[in-house]
Every structure is written in C-alpha cells, then in structure tokens.
Amino acid sequence: MDAHERLVSRVADEQDDILGTIQLVDGDGTLQDRLFEQLVDLLVEAMFLDLRESYLDGTIDRDAYVTELADLAERCRGLGLLPLPSRPA
C-alpha cells in the first residue's frame, strides 16, 4: 500500500470513528461540536485526497490538477475551512 492509499484509508477510518462516536455523546453539545469540527476537517482533507487521486490515476493532467487544487483551496479558504488545524503527533 502506498502513502496516498494509507492517507485515504486513515481519513476514511477516522470519519467512520467520528460518525460512530457522535451518536454516543448525544446530549453533550461541547463534545458534539468538537467531533463535528473534526469531521468537517476530515471531509476537507478527503476532497484534497480525491483530487490528488484523480491526478495520480491520470484522470486529470498536471496543469488541470494544479488549477483545480488552487480553486479548491481558494473556495475552502473563503469558507473558513483552511488552514486545517495541525494534527497532534
């Protein structure tokens, strides 16, 4: 498994974990908010990984990848979704 596939797998696993955990903390608004923020961060990360996958599998060429990457980053910044918080080591 290459590094990109490991990242995709990690993000998907974390999304599943958070979706399952949110149901368990029903009634704790603070914790639900924190988990929701983490989920949004993971969804943003997944969008960038999906775009990279399109480049790696040849669906889009390098120029299109760079253009789409810049467009995605700009849209995310405009919505306050970038930069993502640093992940703890």
C-alpha atoms as a PDB file:
ATOM      1  CA  MET A   1       0.000   0.000   0.000  1.00  0.00           C
ATOM      2  CA  ASP A   2       1.485   3.350  -0.982  1.00  0.00           C
ATOM      3  CA  ALA A   3       1.486   6.527   1.086  1.00  0.00           C
ATOM      4  CA  HIS A   4      -1.517   8.049  -0.706  1.00  0.00           C
ATOM      5  CA  GLU A   5      -3.636   4.941  -0.163  1.00  0.00           C
ATOM      6  CA  ARG A   6      -2.651   4.914   3.516  1.00  0.00           C
ATOM      7  CA  LEU A   7      -3.777   8.536   3.860  1.00  0.00           C
ATOM      8  CA  VAL A   8      -7.097   7.811   2.161  1.00  0.00           C
ATOM      9  CA  SER A   9      -7.608   4.789   4.401  1.00  0.00           C
ATOM     10  CA  ARG A  10      -6.706   6.732   7.559  1.00  0.00           C
ATOM     11  CA  VAL A  11      -9.092   9.579   6.721  1.00  0.00           C
ATOM     12  CA  ALA A  12     -11.929   7.136   5.951  1.00  0.00           C
ATOM     13  CA  ASP A  13     -11.294   5.244   9.202  1.00  0.00           C
ATOM     14  CA  GLU A  14     -11.271   8.464  11.227  1.00  0.00           C
ATOM     15  CA  GLN A  15     -14.510   9.600   9.567  1.00  0.00           C
ATOM     16  CA  ASP A  16     -16.154   6.295  10.487  1.00  0.00           C
ATOM     17  CA  ASP A  17     -14.900   6.563  14.068  1.00  0.00           C
ATOM     18  CA  ILE A  18     -16.235  10.086  14.470  1.00  0.00           C
ATOM     19  CA  LEU A  19     -19.604   9.246  12.931  1.00  0.00           C
ATOM     20  CA  GLY A  20     -19.975   6.391  15.392  1.00  0.00           C
ATOM     21  CA  THR A  21     -18.801   8.463  18.339  1.00  0.00           C
ATOM     22  CA  ILE A  22     -21.094  11.423  17.675  1.00  0.00           C
ATOM     23  CA  GLN A  23     -24.072   9.155  18.330  1.00  0.00           C
ATOM     24  CA  LEU A  24     -22.607   8.097  21.672  1.00  0.00           C
ATOM     25  CA  VAL A  25     -22.220  11.624  23.030  1.00  0.00           C
ATOM     26  CA  ASP A  26     -25.788  12.722  22.419  1.00  0.00           C
ATOM     27  CA  GLY A  27     -26.586  15.496  24.853  1.00  0.00           C
ATOM     28  CA  ASP A  28     -23.011  16.749  25.285  1.00  0.00           C
ATOM     29  CA  GLY A  29     -23.080  19.763  22.987  1.00  0.00           C
ATOM     30  CA  THR A  30     -19.452  20.714  23.542  1.00  0.00           C
ATOM     31  CA  LEU A  31     -18.182  17.284  22.629  1.00  0.00           C
ATOM     32  CA  GLN A  32     -20.564  17.001  19.686  1.00  0.00           C
ATOM     33  CA  ASP A  33     -19.337  20.356  18.365  1.00  0.00           C
ATOM     34  CA  ARG A  34     -15.715  19.254  18.677  1.00  0.00           C
ATOM     35  CA  LEU A  35     -16.400  15.985  16.868  1.00  0.00           C
ATOM     36  CA  PHE A  36     -18.339  17.807  14.158  1.00  0.00           C
ATOM     37  CA  GLU A  37     -15.395  20.181  13.619  1.00  0.00           C
ATOM     38  CA  GLN A  38     -13.067  17.179  13.320  1.00  0.00           C
ATOM     39  CA  LEU A  39     -15.437  15.577  10.821  1.00  0.00           C
ATOM     40  CA  VAL A  40     -15.516  18.715   8.692  1.00  0.00           C
ATOM     41  CA  ASP A  41     -11.695  18.824   8.724  1.00  0.00           C
ATOM     42  CA  LEU A  42     -11.576  15.199   7.593  1.00  0.00           C
ATOM     43  CA  LEU A  43     -14.078  15.850   4.821  1.00  0.00           C
ATOM     44  CA  VAL A  44     -11.974  18.756   3.567  1.00  0.00           C
ATOM     45  CA  GLU A  45      -8.880  16.569   3.701  1.00  0.00           C
ATOM     46  CA  ALA A  46     -10.761  13.885   1.750  1.00  0.00           C
ATOM     47  CA  MET A  47     -11.619  16.379  -1.002  1.00  0.00           C
ATOM     48  CA  PHE A  48      -7.937  17.179  -1.459  1.00  0.00           C
ATOM     49  CA  LEU A  49      -7.052  13.482  -1.430  1.00  0.00           C
ATOM     50  CA  ASP A  50      -9.738  12.747  -4.036  1.00  0.00           C
ATOM     51  CA  LEU A  51      -8.324  15.459  -6.251  1.00  0.00           C
ATOM     52  CA  ARG A  52      -4.831  14.043  -5.838  1.00  0.00           C
ATOM     53  CA  GLU A  53      -6.152  10.582  -6.694  1.00  0.00           C
ATOM     54  CA  SER A  54      -7.533  11.970  -9.956  1.00  0.00           C
ATOM     55  CA  TYR A  55      -4.082  13.249 -10.800  1.00  0.00           C
ATOM     56  CA  LEU A  56      -2.287  10.074  -9.754  1.00  0.00           C
ATOM     57  CA  ASP A  57      -4.577   7.798 -11.762  1.00  0.00           C
ATOM     58  CA  GLY A  58      -4.284  10.004 -14.850  1.00  0.00           C
ATOM     59  CA  THR A  59      -7.865  11.245 -14.905  1.00  0.00           C
ATOM     60  CA  ILE A  60      -6.558  14.815 -14.987  1.00  0.00           C
ATOM     61  CA  ASP A  61      -3.188  16.121 -16.149  1.00  0.00           C
ATOM     62  CA  ARG A  62      -0.739  18.135 -14.080  1.00  0.00           C
ATOM     63  CA  ASP A  63      -1.963  21.537 -15.277  1.00  0.00           C
ATOM     64  CA  ALA A  64      -5.586  20.685 -14.517  1.00  0.00           C
ATOM     65  CA  TYR A  65      -4.546  19.284 -11.129  1.00  0.00           C
ATOM     66  CA  VAL A  66      -2.712  22.466 -10.169  1.00  0.00           C
ATOM     67  CA  THR A  67      -5.616  24.624 -11.330  1.00  0.00           C
ATOM     68  CA  GLU A  68      -8.223  22.549  -9.519  1.00  0.00           C
ATOM     69  CA  LEU A  69      -6.048  22.383  -6.412  1.00  0.00           C
ATOM     70  CA  ALA A  70      -5.747  26.170  -6.321  1.00  0.00           C
ATOM     71  CA  ASP A  71      -9.507  26.564  -6.924  1.00  0.00           C
ATOM     72  CA  LEU A  72     -10.384  24.099  -4.167  1.00  0.00           C
ATOM     73  CA  ALA A  73      -8.004  25.766  -1.737  1.00  0.00           C
ATOM     74  CA  GLU A  74      -9.447  29.191  -2.515  1.00  0.00           C
ATOM     75  CA  ARG A  75     -13.039  28.003  -2.034  1.00  0.00           C
ATOM     76  CA  CYS A  76     -12.117  26.352   1.267  1.00  0.00           C
ATOM     77  CA  ARG A  77     -10.310  29.482   2.448  1.00  0.00           C
ATOM     78  CA  GLY A  78     -13.342  31.566   1.513  1.00  0.00           C
ATOM     79  CA  LEU A  79     -15.496  29.384   3.748  1.00  0.00           C
ATOM     80  CA  GLY A  80     -13.009  29.486   6.607  1.00  0.00           C
ATOM     81  CA  LEU A  81     -12.048  25.830   6.189  1.00  0.00           C
ATOM     82  CA  LEU A  82      -8.343  26.431   5.600  1.00  0.00           C
ATOM     83  CA  PRO A  83      -5.852  26.212   7.036  1.00  0.00           C
ATOM     84  CA  LEU A  84      -6.699  22.988   8.794  1.00  0.00           C
ATOM     85  CA  PRO A  85      -5.610  22.786  12.404  1.00  0.00           C
ATOM     86  CA  SER A  86      -2.396  20.913  12.980  1.00  0.00           C
ATOM     87  CA  ARG A  87      -2.862  17.304  13.981  1.00  0.00           C
ATOM     88  CA  PRO A  88      -1.174  16.138  17.136  1.00  0.00           C
ATOM     89  CA  ALA A  89       1.731  13.753  16.555  1.00  0.00           C
END
